[in-house]
Amino acid sequence: MRKGWKIVLTIVLIALFLGAAGVGVGLMTGADGMRIYDILDERYNITMYYEYSQQVMDAVAESWNAPN
């Protein structure tokens, strides 16, 4: 099982590296940062996940601060 997780982690790290390299090449060749963000947001819904994580963190913080 340990070896399986190492393989999964390796694949995820390679994918992150290739994604970062792609964005870096895009920026070096003159692409606008907002255009890259818009394209990635259209495909992967970055803004939606960010807003969802903010709502979850707010709900957790609110529940921790609620009186018992």
Protein backbone atom coordinates (compact mmCIF):
# COMPACT_ATOMS: atom_id res chain seq x y z
CA MET A 1 0.00 0.00 0.00
CA ARG A 2 2.88 2.35 0.79
CA LYS A 3 4.31 1.90 -2.70
CA GLY A 4 0.93 2.71 -4.24
CA TRP A 5 0.77 6.06 -2.45
CA LYS A 6 4.29 6.89 -3.58
CA ILE A 7 3.24 6.29 -7.18
CA VAL A 8 0.12 8.46 -6.79
CA LEU A 9 2.15 11.24 -5.15
CA THR A 10 4.75 11.06 -7.91
CA ILE A 11 2.07 11.37 -10.61
CA VAL A 12 0.46 14.34 -8.84
CA LEU A 13 3.80 16.11 -8.42
CA ILE A 14 4.68 15.55 -12.08
CA ALA A 15 1.29 16.94 -13.14
CA LEU A 16 1.78 20.02 -10.93
CA PHE A 17 5.27 20.55 -12.32
CA LEU A 18 4.07 20.28 -15.92
CA GLY A 19 1.22 22.69 -15.20
CA ALA A 20 3.57 25.21 -13.60
CA ALA A 21 5.97 24.83 -16.52
CA GLY A 22 3.14 25.43 -18.98
CA VAL A 23 2.04 28.59 -17.19
CA GLY A 24 5.66 29.74 -16.97
CA VAL A 25 6.22 29.24 -20.68
CA GLY A 26 3.00 31.09 -21.39
CA LEU A 27 4.15 34.04 -19.31
CA MET A 28 7.63 34.03 -20.87
CA THR A 29 6.21 34.08 -24.39
CA GLY A 30 4.17 37.18 -23.69
CA ALA A 31 0.80 35.90 -22.60
CA ASP A 32 -1.14 38.08 -20.19
CA GLY A 33 -1.48 36.63 -16.68
CA MET A 34 -5.21 37.42 -16.55
CA ARG A 35 -5.77 35.64 -19.87
CA ILE A 36 -4.04 32.52 -18.54
CA TYR A 37 -6.13 32.72 -15.35
CA ASP A 38 -9.35 33.18 -17.36
CA ILE A 39 -8.58 30.14 -19.52
CA LEU A 40 -7.74 27.98 -16.50
CA ASP A 41 -10.78 29.27 -14.61
CA GLU A 42 -13.06 28.47 -17.53
CA ARG A 43 -11.73 24.93 -17.72
CA TYR A 44 -11.15 24.07 -14.04
CA ASN A 45 -13.49 26.50 -12.18
CA ILE A 46 -10.74 27.90 -9.94
CA THR A 47 -12.90 30.76 -8.68
CA MET A 48 -15.75 28.44 -7.72
CA TYR A 49 -13.45 26.17 -5.70
CA TYR A 50 -11.81 29.19 -4.04
CA GLU A 51 -15.18 30.65 -3.02
CA TYR A 52 -16.37 27.24 -1.79
CA SER A 53 -13.26 26.78 0.34
CA GLN A 54 -13.76 30.28 1.79
CA GLN A 55 -17.36 29.39 2.73
CA VAL A 56 -16.24 26.15 4.36
CA MET A 57 -13.50 27.91 6.34
CA ASP A 58 -15.98 30.60 7.45
CA ALA A 59 -18.46 27.94 8.58
CA VAL A 60 -15.75 26.07 10.51
CA ALA A 61 -14.53 29.26 12.17
CA GLU A 62 -18.11 30.21 13.03
CA SER A 63 -18.79 26.81 14.59
CA TRP A 64 -15.58 26.99 16.66
CA ASN A 65 -16.51 30.44 17.94
CA ALA A 66 -20.10 29.50 18.77
CA PRO A 67 -20.88 29.33 22.48
CA ASN A 68 -21.54 25.85 23.82
